[in-house]
Protein backbone atom coordinates (compact mmCIF):
# COMPACT_ATOMS: atom_id res chain seq x y z
CA MET A 1 -0.16 -0.39 -0.09
CA ILE A 2 2.42 2.42 1.23
CA ARG A 3 4.37 1.34 -2.76
CA TYR A 4 1.37 2.82 -4.47
CA TRP A 5 0.55 5.74 -2.66
CA LEU A 6 4.22 6.66 -2.91
CA MET A 7 3.87 5.98 -6.67
CA ALA A 8 0.99 8.12 -6.59
CA LEU A 9 2.87 11.13 -4.78
CA LEU A 10 6.11 10.98 -7.27
CA LEU A 11 3.46 10.46 -10.06
CA THR A 12 1.82 14.04 -8.96
CA GLY A 13 4.95 15.77 -8.62
CA CYS A 14 6.21 15.40 -12.34
CA ALA A 15 2.89 16.69 -13.34
CA THR A 16 3.28 19.82 -15.39
CA MET A 17 1.81 23.12 -14.23
CA PRO A 18 -0.60 24.32 -16.73
CA PRO A 19 -0.11 27.08 -18.95
CA LEU A 20 0.98 30.60 -17.60
CA SER A 21 -0.39 33.21 -20.26
CA ARG A 22 -0.75 36.91 -19.76
CA PRO A 23 -2.73 39.32 -19.01
CA VAL A 24 -4.28 42.17 -20.57
CA GLN A 25 -2.16 45.58 -20.10
CA PRO A 26 0.67 42.86 -17.85
CA GLU A 27 3.78 45.68 -17.71
CA ALA A 28 1.21 46.96 -15.07
CA VAL A 29 0.15 44.00 -13.46
CA PRO A 30 2.07 42.92 -10.01
CA PHE A 31 2.95 39.41 -10.27
CA ALA A 32 5.03 37.03 -7.75
CA MET A 33 6.89 33.73 -9.65
CA ASN A 34 8.81 31.05 -8.07
CA GLY A 35 11.36 29.55 -10.15
CA ARG A 36 15.31 29.02 -10.04
CA ILE A 37 18.03 30.63 -11.68
CA SER A 38 21.39 29.65 -12.42
CA VAL A 39 24.73 32.15 -12.59
CA LYS A 40 27.74 31.95 -14.52
CA HIS A 41 30.07 34.91 -13.56
CA ASN A 42 34.18 35.44 -14.72
CA GLY A 43 33.70 31.04 -14.32
CA ALA A 44 31.63 30.42 -11.26
CA ARG A 45 28.92 28.38 -10.90
CA ASP A 46 26.38 29.68 -8.60
CA SER A 47 22.35 28.08 -8.58
CA ALA A 48 19.22 29.11 -5.96
CA GLY A 49 15.81 28.88 -6.08
CA LEU A 50 14.20 31.99 -6.17
CA ARG A 51 10.79 34.13 -5.37
CA TRP A 52 10.04 37.31 -6.97
CA THR A 53 7.60 40.03 -5.68
CA HIS A 54 6.91 42.91 -8.64
CA GLN A 55 4.73 45.23 -7.40
CA ASP A 56 4.11 48.97 -9.21
CA THR A 57 6.98 50.69 -7.56
CA SER A 58 9.29 48.06 -5.30
CA ASP A 59 10.52 44.97 -6.11
CA GLU A 60 11.92 42.21 -3.69
CA ILE A 61 13.96 39.42 -4.63
CA LEU A 62 14.53 36.33 -2.34
CA LEU A 63 17.04 33.79 -3.55
CA LEU A 64 16.62 30.17 -1.66
CA THR A 65 19.02 27.36 -0.43
CA PRO A 66 17.61 24.01 -1.76
CA LEU A 67 15.90 23.29 1.51
CA GLY A 68 13.99 26.37 1.07
CA GLN A 69 15.73 28.79 3.23
CA THR A 70 16.58 32.77 1.88
CA ALA A 71 19.93 32.86 1.12
CA ALA A 72 19.71 36.65 -0.04
CA ARG A 73 17.38 39.03 -0.27
CA ILE A 74 17.21 41.63 -2.56
CA TYR A 75 14.41 44.77 -2.10
CA ARG A 76 14.05 47.80 -3.92
CA ASP A 77 11.84 50.52 -3.93
CA ASP A 78 11.63 54.37 -5.92
CA ALA A 79 13.72 55.39 -2.94
CA HIS A 80 16.09 52.57 -2.03
CA ALA A 81 17.76 49.26 -2.24
CA THR A 82 19.29 46.83 0.27
CA LEU A 83 20.52 44.20 0.22
CA ASP A 84 20.85 41.36 2.79
CA ASN A 85 22.79 38.23 2.81
CA GLY A 86 23.27 36.47 5.36
CA ASP A 87 23.70 38.68 8.64
CA LYS A 88 25.31 41.43 5.92
CA HIS A 89 23.06 44.32 5.19
CA TYR A 90 24.23 46.47 2.12
CA SER A 91 22.18 49.79 0.72
CA ASP A 92 22.74 52.32 -2.15
CA THR A 93 20.22 54.27 -4.06
CA ASP A 94 19.71 51.78 -6.71
CA VAL A 95 19.60 47.91 -6.92
CA GLU A 96 21.61 47.74 -9.73
CA SER A 97 24.34 49.30 -8.00
CA LEU A 98 24.48 47.56 -5.19
CA MET A 99 24.37 44.02 -6.76
CA GLN A 100 27.59 45.33 -8.72
CA GLN A 101 28.99 46.07 -5.57
CA VAL A 102 27.91 43.14 -3.54
CA LEU A 103 27.69 40.21 -6.10
CA GLY A 104 30.22 41.72 -8.44
CA TRP A 105 27.68 41.29 -11.71
CA ARG A 106 24.17 43.77 -11.79
CA LEU A 107 21.16 43.17 -13.33
CA GLN A 108 18.62 45.68 -15.25
CA LEU A 109 15.95 44.62 -12.80
CA ASP A 110 13.43 46.89 -15.03
CA HIS A 111 13.93 45.34 -18.51
CA LEU A 112 13.88 42.09 -16.39
CA HIS A 113 9.99 42.69 -15.36
CA HIS A 114 8.91 43.49 -19.30
CA TRP A 115 11.51 41.04 -21.08
CA VAL A 116 9.69 37.28 -18.38
CA LEU A 117 6.52 38.45 -19.54
CA GLY A 118 7.68 37.87 -23.19
CA LEU A 119 8.01 41.76 -24.07
CA THR A 120 10.02 44.28 -24.50
CA VAL A 121 11.14 47.51 -22.70
CA PRO A 122 10.16 50.49 -25.58
CA GLY A 123 13.52 51.40 -27.41
CA ASP A 124 16.40 50.46 -29.53
CA GLU A 125 15.85 46.31 -29.59
CA MET A 126 16.96 43.74 -32.07
CA LEU A 127 14.38 40.22 -32.53
CA GLU A 128 13.49 37.55 -33.37
CA ARG A 129 10.29 35.64 -33.29
CA ASP A 130 8.48 32.03 -33.58
CA THR A 131 5.69 31.99 -36.13
CA LEU A 132 3.02 32.96 -33.20
CA GLY A 133 4.73 36.31 -32.66
CA ARG A 134 6.55 34.88 -29.30
CA LEU A 135 10.15 36.15 -29.02
CA THR A 136 12.53 33.71 -29.42
CA VAL A 137 15.51 35.99 -29.32
CA LEU A 138 15.91 39.92 -27.72
CA ARG A 139 19.04 41.83 -28.15
CA GLN A 140 18.65 45.27 -25.99
CA ASP A 141 20.49 47.06 -24.03
CA GLY A 142 23.49 45.24 -23.95
CA TRP A 143 21.45 41.65 -23.03
CA GLU A 144 21.16 38.88 -25.02
CA VAL A 145 17.81 36.85 -23.96
CA ARG A 146 16.80 33.48 -25.25
CA TYR A 147 13.60 32.42 -24.88
CA MET A 148 13.95 28.36 -25.10
CA ALA A 149 10.95 27.34 -23.82
CA TYR A 150 7.28 28.63 -23.64
CA SER A 151 4.42 27.96 -21.10
CA GLY A 152 1.93 26.64 -24.27
CA ASP A 153 1.66 26.90 -27.92
CA LYS A 154 -0.55 30.19 -27.80
CA ALA A 155 0.73 33.36 -28.82
CA ASP A 156 0.12 34.81 -25.08
CA SER A 157 1.84 31.81 -23.02
CA LEU A 158 4.58 32.99 -20.75
CA PRO A 159 8.07 32.32 -21.37
CA VAL A 160 9.30 29.61 -19.15
CA ARG A 161 13.12 29.15 -19.61
CA MET A 162 15.20 32.05 -19.95
CA LYS A 163 18.96 32.58 -21.03
CA LEU A 164 20.40 35.48 -19.97
CA SER A 165 23.44 36.58 -21.36
CA ARG A 166 25.65 40.31 -21.66
CA ALA A 167 29.62 40.35 -21.49
CA ASN A 168 31.07 37.80 -19.23
CA LEU A 169 27.82 37.09 -16.84
CA GLU A 170 25.20 34.25 -18.00
CA LEU A 171 22.29 34.10 -15.88
CA ILE A 172 19.07 30.80 -16.77
CA LEU A 173 16.42 31.21 -15.31
CA LEU A 174 13.01 29.43 -14.77
CA ILE A 175 9.98 29.74 -14.09
CA ASP A 176 7.51 27.37 -12.60
CA GLU A 177 4.71 29.18 -11.36
CA CYS A 178 3.40 33.06 -11.24
CA GLU A 179 0.47 34.63 -9.99
CA TRP A 180 -0.87 37.78 -11.16
CA ASN A 181 -1.95 40.65 -8.17
CA PRO A 182 -0.44 39.13 -4.93
CA LYS A 183 -1.79 40.32 -1.88
């Protein structure tokens, strides 16, 4: 009996998530997403779980250990940015400068919230699209974003696997779930 219960539990854990689709005016809708991130920078590799809550005027990113504990917290709003790494606390006026100081690399959070929705930031960009009109490659502000998988086969499906690269930095972002208008 226990063996059948374990088998059912394993099969449930392997079930695919329902396709995620973009809401109307997605750039204005707050979201929370869970996933994983892998970072390769100057030959060093690291990976973590990820919980990102994006609101209109703030972002909170939690980098998680394999057991789900918070390893680092990045927060920013219109006035300041903080990065907590264990018992160390850092602050600056903007999150990109703070990440550069503490981590040695920076990520454009203003752009990233568009890119994870499969959208471009208005301005100078070069892009490639698939037959459904979804982004496959985006080059913008020195970044190359490769959309490696989408949650479904519809034009408004959200990306679930992305590769972002710039100079000596490469990030792989896997999105497991996304919630619109989180509380």
